[in-house]
Amino acid sequence: MSAQPVEPAPHHPPKTLRAIRAALPSGQVAAFENARDGLDLDDLRAVAAFRDAWWSRAVLAPDSTLDADSDAAMAGSLSLAEPWALTGSG
């Protein structure tokens, strides 16, 4: 039996309008709201297409905080928690 790497499950927003909007980068929120406000709720295919398209954008949207942390780590300037001593106390 071989060990398999354990990777955390990706975090995806729920498929609700509120969660999708919250997960979008700020530059896409106005376009989301404009498309949402023009959506014909009687056209269920259009509703599903809108949901799927914008949910996909929300899932794929980069997290700018992670990008900044990654850049700082690569530059050697990422602030980390104070390390603790690894030796025993006795």
PDB file of N, CA and C in Angstrom:
ATOM      1  N   MET A   1       0.851  -1.180   0.000  1.00  0.00           N
ATOM      2  CA  MET A   1       0.000   0.000   0.000  1.00  0.00           C
ATOM      3  C   MET A   1       0.888   1.232   0.000  1.00  0.00           C
ATOM      4  N   SER A   2       0.603   2.161  -0.865  1.00  0.00           N
ATOM      5  CA  SER A   2       1.421   3.369  -0.923  1.00  0.00           C
ATOM      6  C   SER A   2       0.636   4.551  -0.378  1.00  0.00           C
ATOM      7  N   ALA A   3       1.358   5.453   0.205  1.00  0.00           N
ATOM      8  CA  ALA A   3       0.719   6.650   0.754  1.00  0.00           C
ATOM      9  C   ALA A   3       0.420   7.629  -0.376  1.00  0.00           C
ATOM     10  N   GLN A   4      -0.714   8.233  -0.324  1.00  0.00           N
ATOM     11  CA  GLN A   4      -1.104   9.232  -1.307  1.00  0.00           C
ATOM     12  C   GLN A   4      -1.068  10.602  -0.643  1.00  0.00           C
ATOM     13  N   PRO A   5      -0.628  11.630  -1.358  1.00  0.00           N
ATOM     14  CA  PRO A   5      -0.611  12.964  -0.755  1.00  0.00           C
ATOM     15  C   PRO A   5      -2.037  13.429  -0.457  1.00  0.00           C
ATOM     16  N   VAL A   6      -2.162  14.112   0.636  1.00  0.00           N
ATOM     17  CA  VAL A   6      -3.461  14.654   1.023  1.00  0.00           C
ATOM     18  C   VAL A   6      -3.471  16.129   0.681  1.00  0.00           C
ATOM     19  N   GLU A   7      -4.397  16.515  -0.146  1.00  0.00           N
ATOM     20  CA  GLU A   7      -4.515  17.915  -0.525  1.00  0.00           C
ATOM     21  C   GLU A   7      -5.843  18.442   0.005  1.00  0.00           C
ATOM     22  N   PRO A   8      -5.838  19.669   0.512  1.00  0.00           N
ATOM     23  CA  PRO A   8      -7.099  20.212   1.003  1.00  0.00           C
ATOM     24  C   PRO A   8      -8.096  20.374  -0.138  1.00  0.00           C
ATOM     25  N   ALA A   9      -9.350  20.162   0.179  1.00  0.00           N
ATOM     26  CA  ALA A   9     -10.399  20.339  -0.831  1.00  0.00           C
ATOM     27  C   ALA A   9     -10.473  21.812  -1.198  1.00  0.00           C
ATOM     28  N   PRO A  10     -10.640  22.116  -2.476  1.00  0.00           N
ATOM     29  CA  PRO A  10     -10.744  23.530  -2.858  1.00  0.00           C
ATOM     30  C   PRO A  10     -12.009  24.145  -2.276  1.00  0.00           C
ATOM     31  N   HIS A  11     -11.912  25.391  -1.906  1.00  0.00           N
ATOM     32  CA  HIS A  11     -13.064  26.095  -1.350  1.00  0.00           C
ATOM     33  C   HIS A  11     -13.849  26.727  -2.494  1.00  0.00           C
ATOM     34  N   HIS A  12     -15.083  26.336  -2.618  1.00  0.00           N
ATOM     35  CA  HIS A  12     -15.945  26.906  -3.643  1.00  0.00           C
ATOM     36  C   HIS A  12     -17.116  27.593  -2.957  1.00  0.00           C
ATOM     37  N   PRO A  13     -17.493  28.759  -3.463  1.00  0.00           N
ATOM     38  CA  PRO A  13     -18.641  29.440  -2.858  1.00  0.00           C
ATOM     39  C   PRO A  13     -19.928  28.672  -3.147  1.00  0.00           C
ATOM     40  N   PRO A  14     -20.900  28.776  -2.250  1.00  0.00           N
ATOM     41  CA  PRO A  14     -22.207  28.174  -2.542  1.00  0.00           C
ATOM     42  C   PRO A  14     -22.788  28.817  -3.801  1.00  0.00           C
ATOM     43  N   LYS A  15     -23.687  28.117  -4.453  1.00  0.00           N
ATOM     44  CA  LYS A  15     -24.287  28.641  -5.684  1.00  0.00           C
ATOM     45  C   LYS A  15     -25.505  29.501  -5.357  1.00  0.00           C
ATOM     46  N   THR A  16     -25.241  30.566  -4.594  1.00  0.00           N
ATOM     47  CA  THR A  16     -26.271  31.564  -4.308  1.00  0.00           C
ATOM     48  C   THR A  16     -25.785  32.896  -4.868  1.00  0.00           C
ATOM     49  N   LEU A  17     -26.705  33.782  -5.184  1.00  0.00           N
ATOM     50  CA  LEU A  17     -26.316  35.082  -5.722  1.00  0.00           C
ATOM     51  C   LEU A  17     -25.411  35.834  -4.756  1.00  0.00           C
ATOM     52  N   ARG A  18     -25.754  35.795  -3.481  1.00  0.00           N
ATOM     53  CA  ARG A  18     -24.970  36.511  -2.474  1.00  0.00           C
ATOM     54  C   ARG A  18     -23.543  35.967  -2.394  1.00  0.00           C
ATOM     55  N   ALA A  19     -23.401  34.641  -2.361  1.00  0.00           N
ATOM     56  CA  ALA A  19     -22.076  34.028  -2.237  1.00  0.00           C
ATOM     57  C   ALA A  19     -21.238  34.243  -3.497  1.00  0.00           C
ATOM     58  N   ILE A  20     -21.866  34.148  -4.648  1.00  0.00           N
ATOM     59  CA  ILE A  20     -21.146  34.369  -5.899  1.00  0.00           C
ATOM     60  C   ILE A  20     -20.652  35.806  -5.957  1.00  0.00           C
ATOM     61  N   ARG A  21     -21.521  36.748  -5.634  1.00  0.00           N
ATOM     62  CA  ARG A  21     -21.145  38.172  -5.672  1.00  0.00           C
ATOM     63  C   ARG A  21     -19.999  38.437  -4.703  1.00  0.00           C
ATOM     64  N   ALA A  22     -20.060  37.875  -3.507  1.00  0.00           N
ATOM     65  CA  ALA A  22     -19.020  38.094  -2.503  1.00  0.00           C
ATOM     66  C   ALA A  22     -17.672  37.512  -2.930  1.00  0.00           C
ATOM     67  N   ALA A  23     -17.688  36.453  -3.719  1.00  0.00           N
ATOM     68  CA  ALA A  23     -16.444  35.797  -4.131  1.00  0.00           C
ATOM     69  C   ALA A  23     -15.809  36.425  -5.369  1.00  0.00           C
ATOM     70  N   LEU A  24     -16.530  37.302  -6.030  1.00  0.00           N
ATOM     71  CA  LEU A  24     -15.997  37.931  -7.245  1.00  0.00           C
ATOM     72  C   LEU A  24     -14.992  39.028  -6.901  1.00  0.00           C
ATOM     73  N   PRO A  25     -13.993  39.222  -7.751  1.00  0.00           N
ATOM     74  CA  PRO A  25     -13.106  40.377  -7.578  1.00  0.00           C
ATOM     75  C   PRO A  25     -13.919  41.659  -7.732  1.00  0.00           C
ATOM     76  N   SER A  26     -13.508  42.700  -7.048  1.00  0.00           N
ATOM     77  CA  SER A  26     -14.288  43.948  -7.055  1.00  0.00           C
ATOM     78  C   SER A  26     -14.494  44.501  -8.460  1.00  0.00           C
ATOM     79  N   GLY A  27     -13.578  44.240  -9.373  1.00  0.00           N
ATOM     80  CA  GLY A  27     -13.711  44.740 -10.733  1.00  0.00           C
ATOM     81  C   GLY A  27     -14.787  44.052 -11.556  1.00  0.00           C
ATOM     82  N   GLN A  28     -15.315  42.928 -11.059  1.00  0.00           N
ATOM     83  CA  GLN A  28     -16.344  42.194 -11.797  1.00  0.00           C
ATOM     84  C   GLN A  28     -17.738  42.345 -11.197  1.00  0.00           C
ATOM     85  N   VAL A  29     -17.837  42.962 -10.024  1.00  0.00           N
ATOM     86  CA  VAL A  29     -19.124  43.046  -9.321  1.00  0.00           C
ATOM     87  C   VAL A  29     -20.156  43.853 -10.108  1.00  0.00           C
ATOM     88  N   ALA A  30     -19.766  44.975 -10.681  1.00  0.00           N
ATOM     89  CA  ALA A  30     -20.716  45.808 -11.430  1.00  0.00           C
ATOM     90  C   ALA A  30     -21.268  45.049 -12.634  1.00  0.00           C
ATOM     91  N   ALA A  31     -20.422  44.312 -13.348  1.00  0.00           N
ATOM     92  CA  ALA A  31     -20.886  43.530 -14.498  1.00  0.00           C
ATOM     93  C   ALA A  31     -21.831  42.420 -14.046  1.00  0.00           C
ATOM     94  N   PHE A  32     -21.516  41.792 -12.906  1.00  0.00           N
ATOM     95  CA  PHE A  32     -22.393  40.760 -12.345  1.00  0.00           C
ATOM     96  C   PHE A  32     -23.765  41.340 -12.031  1.00  0.00           C
ATOM     97  N   GLU A  33     -23.781  42.471 -11.334  1.00  0.00           N
ATOM     98  CA  GLU A  33     -25.053  43.094 -10.957  1.00  0.00           C
ATOM     99  C   GLU A  33     -25.849  43.531 -12.181  1.00  0.00           C
ATOM    100  N   ASN A  34     -25.180  44.055 -13.190  1.00  0.00           N
ATOM    101  CA  ASN A  34     -25.850  44.475 -14.416  1.00  0.00           C
ATOM    102  C   ASN A  34     -26.480  43.268 -15.120  1.00  0.00           C
ATOM    103  N   ALA A  35     -25.730  42.179 -15.224  1.00  0.00           N
ATOM    104  CA  ALA A  35     -26.260  40.967 -15.865  1.00  0.00           C
ATOM    105  C   ALA A  35     -27.393  40.373 -15.035  1.00  0.00           C
ATOM    106  N   ARG A  36     -27.243  40.386 -13.721  1.00  0.00           N
ATOM    107  CA  ARG A  36     -28.285  39.861 -12.832  1.00  0.00           C
ATOM    108  C   ARG A  36     -29.576  40.666 -12.959  1.00  0.00           C
ATOM    109  N   ASP A  37     -29.440  41.970 -12.973  1.00  0.00           N
ATOM    110  CA  ASP A  37     -30.629  42.827 -13.034  1.00  0.00           C
ATOM    111  C   ASP A  37     -31.350  42.718 -14.362  1.00  0.00           C
ATOM    112  N   GLY A  38     -30.667  42.331 -15.430  1.00  0.00           N
ATOM    113  CA  GLY A  38     -31.291  42.174 -16.739  1.00  0.00           C
ATOM    114  C   GLY A  38     -31.744  40.751 -17.024  1.00  0.00           C
ATOM    115  N   LEU A  39     -31.619  39.867 -16.065  1.00  0.00           N
ATOM    116  CA  LEU A  39     -31.939  38.459 -16.258  1.00  0.00           C
ATOM    117  C   LEU A  39     -33.454  38.226 -16.297  1.00  0.00           C
ATOM    118  N   ASP A  40     -33.919  37.494 -17.293  1.00  0.00           N
ATOM    119  CA  ASP A  40     -35.331  37.124 -17.412  1.00  0.00           C
ATOM    120  C   ASP A  40     -35.557  35.863 -16.580  1.00  0.00           C
ATOM    121  N   LEU A  41     -36.198  36.010 -15.440  1.00  0.00           N
ATOM    122  CA  LEU A  41     -36.393  34.888 -14.519  1.00  0.00           C
ATOM    123  C   LEU A  41     -37.371  33.843 -15.043  1.00  0.00           C
ATOM    124  N   ASP A  42     -38.112  34.165 -16.094  1.00  0.00           N
ATOM    125  CA  ASP A  42     -38.993  33.167 -16.719  1.00  0.00           C
ATOM    126  C   ASP A  42     -38.215  32.205 -17.610  1.00  0.00           C
ATOM    127  N   ASP A  43     -37.004  32.599 -18.007  1.00  0.00           N
ATOM    128  CA  ASP A  43     -36.171  31.772 -18.876  1.00  0.00           C
ATOM    129  C   ASP A  43     -35.194  30.974 -17.999  1.00  0.00           C
ATOM    130  N   LEU A  44     -35.609  29.755 -17.628  1.00  0.00           N
ATOM    131  CA  LEU A  44     -34.816  28.966 -16.694  1.00  0.00           C
ATOM    132  C   LEU A  44     -33.444  28.589 -17.254  1.00  0.00           C
ATOM    133  N   ARG A  45     -33.362  28.416 -18.558  1.00  0.00           N
ATOM    134  CA  ARG A  45     -32.045  28.131 -19.151  1.00  0.00           C
ATOM    135  C   ARG A  45     -31.120  29.325 -18.992  1.00  0.00           C
ATOM    136  N   ALA A  46     -31.653  30.509 -19.173  1.00  0.00           N
ATOM    137  CA  ALA A  46     -30.848  31.718 -19.009  1.00  0.00           C
ATOM    138  C   ALA A  46     -30.419  31.885 -17.549  1.00  0.00           C
ATOM    139  N   VAL A  47     -31.307  31.567 -16.628  1.00  0.00           N
ATOM    140  CA  VAL A  47     -30.982  31.653 -15.203  1.00  0.00           C
ATOM    141  C   VAL A  47     -29.851  30.678 -14.866  1.00  0.00           C
ATOM    142  N   ALA A  48     -29.957  29.442 -15.346  1.00  0.00           N
ATOM    143  CA  ALA A  48     -28.924  28.437 -15.088  1.00  0.00           C
ATOM    144  C   ALA A  48     -27.605  28.835 -15.739  1.00  0.00           C
ATOM    145  N   ALA A  49     -27.657  29.368 -16.949  1.00  0.00           N
ATOM    146  CA  ALA A  49     -26.436  29.784 -17.633  1.00  0.00           C
ATOM    147  C   ALA A  49     -25.768  30.937 -16.893  1.00  0.00           C
ATOM    148  N   PHE A  50     -26.569  31.883 -16.417  1.00  0.00           N
ATOM    149  CA  PHE A  50     -26.045  33.003 -15.638  1.00  0.00           C
ATOM    150  C   PHE A  50     -25.361  32.485 -14.378  1.00  0.00           C
ATOM    151  N   ARG A  51     -26.057  31.627 -13.642  1.00  0.00           N
ATOM    152  CA  ARG A  51     -25.504  31.070 -12.402  1.00  0.00           C
ATOM    153  C   ARG A  51     -24.187  30.348 -12.672  1.00  0.00           C
ATOM    154  N   ASP A  52     -24.182  29.477 -13.666  1.00  0.00           N
ATOM    155  CA  ASP A  52     -22.986  28.686 -13.943  1.00  0.00           C
ATOM    156  C   ASP A  52     -21.810  29.550 -14.405  1.00  0.00           C
ATOM    157  N   ALA A  53     -22.087  30.522 -15.252  1.00  0.00           N
ATOM    158  CA  ALA A  53     -21.017  31.379 -15.766  1.00  0.00           C
ATOM    159  C   ALA A  53     -20.394  32.206 -14.637  1.00  0.00           C
ATOM    160  N   TRP A  54     -21.230  32.815 -13.811  1.00  0.00           N
ATOM    161  CA  TRP A  54     -20.697  33.681 -12.758  1.00  0.00           C
ATOM    162  C   TRP A  54     -20.127  32.878 -11.594  1.00  0.00           C
ATOM    163  N   TRP A  55     -20.677  31.707 -11.328  1.00  0.00           N
ATOM    164  CA  TRP A  55     -20.105  30.858 -10.282  1.00  0.00           C
ATOM    165  C   TRP A  55     -18.709  30.409 -10.706  1.00  0.00           C
ATOM    166  N   SER A  56     -18.561  30.063 -11.977  1.00  0.00           N
ATOM    167  CA  SER A  56     -17.242  29.680 -12.492  1.00  0.00           C
ATOM    168  C   SER A  56     -16.243  30.823 -12.340  1.00  0.00           C
ATOM    169  N   ARG A  57     -16.688  32.037 -12.644  1.00  0.00           N
ATOM    170  CA  ARG A  57     -15.798  33.192 -12.472  1.00  0.00           C
ATOM    171  C   ARG A  57     -15.398  33.357 -11.011  1.00  0.00           C
ATOM    172  N   ALA A  58     -16.356  33.154 -10.109  1.00  0.00           N
ATOM    173  CA  ALA A  58     -16.072  33.298  -8.683  1.00  0.00           C
ATOM    174  C   ALA A  58     -15.081  32.232  -8.209  1.00  0.00           C
ATOM    175  N   VAL A  59     -15.232  31.005  -8.710  1.00  0.00           N
ATOM    176  CA  VAL A  59     -14.329  29.918  -8.316  1.00  0.00           C
ATOM    177  C   VAL A  59     -12.915  30.188  -8.835  1.00  0.00           C
ATOM    178  N   LEU A  60     -12.817  30.688 -10.045  1.00  0.00           N
ATOM    179  CA  LEU A  60     -11.520  30.895 -10.670  1.00  0.00           C
ATOM    180  C   LEU A  60     -10.874  32.236 -10.318  1.00  0.00           C
ATOM    181  N   ALA A  61     -11.606  33.092  -9.623  1.00  0.00           N
ATOM    182  CA  ALA A  61     -11.072  34.413  -9.283  1.00  0.00           C
ATOM    183  C   ALA A  61      -9.873  34.268  -8.354  1.00  0.00           C
ATOM    184  N   PRO A  62      -8.801  34.951  -8.668  1.00  0.00           N
ATOM    185  CA  PRO A  62      -7.630  34.864  -7.790  1.00  0.00           C
ATOM    186  C   PRO A  62      -7.874  35.599  -6.478  1.00  0.00           C
ATOM    187  N   ASP A  63      -7.283  35.079  -5.418  1.00  0.00           N
ATOM    188  CA  ASP A  63      -7.344  35.734  -4.114  1.00  0.00           C
ATOM    189  C   ASP A  63      -6.136  36.656  -4.020  1.00  0.00           C
ATOM    190  N   SER A  64      -6.359  37.956  -4.059  1.00  0.00           N
ATOM    191  CA  SER A  64      -5.257  38.916  -4.079  1.00  0.00           C
ATOM    192  C   SER A  64      -4.435  38.850  -2.799  1.00  0.00           C
ATOM    193  N   THR A  65      -5.038  38.445  -1.680  1.00  0.00           N
ATOM    194  CA  THR A  65      -4.286  38.304  -0.434  1.00  0.00           C
ATOM    195  C   THR A  65      -3.257  37.190  -0.567  1.00  0.00           C
ATOM    196  N   LEU A  66      -3.673  36.071  -1.156  1.00  0.00           N
ATOM    197  CA  LEU A  66      -2.741  34.969  -1.351  1.00  0.00           C
ATOM    198  C   LEU A  66      -1.635  35.355  -2.327  1.00  0.00           C
ATOM    199  N   ASP A  67      -1.991  36.088  -3.370  1.00  0.00           N
ATOM    200  CA  ASP A  67      -0.989  36.540  -4.333  1.00  0.00           C
ATOM    201  C   ASP A  67       0.049  37.429  -3.646  1.00  0.00           C
ATOM    202  N   ALA A  68      -0.418  38.339  -2.800  1.00  0.00           N
ATOM    203  CA  ALA A  68       0.499  39.239  -2.103  1.00  0.00           C
ATOM    204  C   ALA A  68       1.398  38.452  -1.146  1.00  0.00           C
ATOM    205  N   ASP A  69       0.821  37.485  -0.427  1.00  0.00           N
ATOM    206  CA  ASP A  69       1.616  36.654   0.489  1.00  0.00           C
ATOM    207  C   ASP A  69       2.642  35.829  -0.283  1.00  0.00           C
ATOM    208  N   SER A  70       2.245  35.284  -1.408  1.00  0.00           N
ATOM    209  CA  SER A  70       3.169  34.500  -2.225  1.00  0.00           C
ATOM    210  C   SER A  70       4.317  35.369  -2.723  1.00  0.00           C
ATOM    211  N   ASP A  71       4.000  36.573  -3.190  1.00  0.00           N
ATOM    212  CA  ASP A  71       5.042  37.488  -3.660  1.00  0.00           C
ATOM    213  C   ASP A  71       5.989  37.857  -2.522  1.00  0.00           C
ATOM    214  N   ALA A  72       5.435  38.123  -1.330  1.00  0.00           N
ATOM    215  CA  ALA A  72       6.265  38.479  -0.175  1.00  0.00           C
ATOM    216  C   ALA A  72       7.142  37.301   0.242  1.00  0.00           C
ATOM    217  N   ALA A  73       6.614  36.088   0.199  1.00  0.00           N
ATOM    218  CA  ALA A  73       7.396  34.905   0.558  1.00  0.00           C
ATOM    219  C   ALA A  73       8.556  34.719  -0.414  1.00  0.00           C
ATOM    220  N   MET A  74       8.301  34.886  -1.698  1.00  0.00           N
ATOM    221  CA  MET A  74       9.350  34.732  -2.696  1.00  0.00           C
ATOM    222  C   MET A  74      10.422  35.815  -2.545  1.00  0.00           C
ATOM    223  N   ALA A  75      10.022  36.985  -2.053  1.00  0.00           N
ATOM    224  CA  ALA A  75      10.973  38.080  -1.852  1.00  0.00           C
ATOM    225  C   ALA A  75      11.673  37.975  -0.496  1.00  0.00           C
ATOM    226  N   GLY A  76      11.239  37.030   0.337  1.00  0.00           N
ATOM    227  CA  GLY A  76      11.843  36.858   1.660  1.00  0.00           C
ATOM    228  C   GLY A  76      11.358  37.850   2.687  1.00  0.00           C
ATOM    229  N   SER A  77      10.225  38.480   2.445  1.00  0.00           N
ATOM    230  CA  SER A  77       9.744  39.500   3.378  1.00  0.00           C
ATOM    231  C   SER A  77       8.386  39.174   3.990  1.00  0.00           C
ATOM    232  N   LEU A  78       7.979  37.916   3.946  1.00  0.00           N
ATOM    233  CA  LEU A  78       6.687  37.529   4.522  1.00  0.00           C
ATOM    234  C   LEU A  78       6.812  37.467   6.036  1.00  0.00           C
ATOM    235  N   SER A  79       5.935  38.169   6.745  1.00  0.00           N
ATOM    236  CA  SER A  79       5.941  38.142   8.207  1.00  0.00           C
ATOM    237  C   SER A  79       5.225  36.889   8.681  1.00  0.00           C
ATOM    238  N   LEU A  80       5.931  36.125   9.495  1.00  0.00           N
ATOM    239  CA  LEU A  80       5.366  34.891  10.036  1.00  0.00           C
ATOM    240  C   LEU A  80       5.233  35.007  11.544  1.00  0.00           C
ATOM    241  N   ALA A  81       4.548  34.056  12.144  1.00  0.00           N
ATOM    242  CA  ALA A  81       4.412  34.033  13.597  1.00  0.00           C
ATOM    243  C   ALA A  81       5.777  33.793  14.230  1.00  0.00           C
ATOM    244  N   GLU A  82       5.950  34.264  15.444  1.00  0.00           N
ATOM    245  CA  GLU A  82       7.206  34.068  16.171  1.00  0.00           C
ATOM    246  C   GLU A  82       7.459  32.580  16.369  1.00  0.00           C
ATOM    247  N   PRO A  83       8.625  32.070  15.996  1.00  0.00           N
ATOM    248  CA  PRO A  83       8.901  30.639  16.165  1.00  0.00           C
ATOM    249  C   PRO A  83       9.041  30.278  17.639  1.00  0.00           C
ATOM    250  N   TRP A  84       8.788  29.037  17.961  1.00  0.00           N
ATOM    251  CA  TRP A  84       8.932  28.565  19.340  1.00  0.00           C
ATOM    252  C   TRP A  84      10.145  27.653  19.425  1.00  0.00           C
ATOM    253  N   ALA A  85      10.671  27.527  20.630  1.00  0.00           N
ATOM    254  CA  ALA A  85      11.856  26.713  20.856  1.00  0.00           C
ATOM    255  C   ALA A  85      11.501  25.237  20.686  1.00  0.00           C
ATOM    256  N   LEU A  86      12.382  24.489  20.028  1.00  0.00           N
ATOM    257  CA  LEU A  86      12.129  23.073  19.802  1.00  0.00           C
ATOM    258  C   LEU A  86      12.799  22.186  20.850  1.00  0.00           C
ATOM    259  N   THR A  87      13.511  22.789  21.778  1.00  0.00           N
ATOM    260  CA  THR A  87      14.179  21.999  22.815  1.00  0.00           C
ATOM    261  C   THR A  87      13.264  21.819  24.012  1.00  0.00           C
ATOM    262  N   GLY A  88      13.520  20.783  24.793  1.00  0.00           N
ATOM    263  CA  GLY A  88      12.723  20.518  25.990  1.00  0.00           C
ATOM    264  C   GLY A  88      12.999  21.556  27.070  1.00  0.00           C
ATOM    265  N   SER A  89      12.147  21.608  28.043  1.00  0.00           N
ATOM    266  CA  SER A  89      12.283  22.619  29.104  1.00  0.00           C
ATOM    267  C   SER A  89      12.899  22.023  30.365  1.00  0.00           C
ATOM    268  N   GLY A  90      13.634  20.961  30.252  1.00  0.00           N
ATOM    269  CA  GLY A  90      14.118  20.386  31.482  1.00  0.00           C
ATOM    270  C   GLY A  90      15.479  20.041  31.465  1.00  0.00           C
TER     271      GLY A  90
END
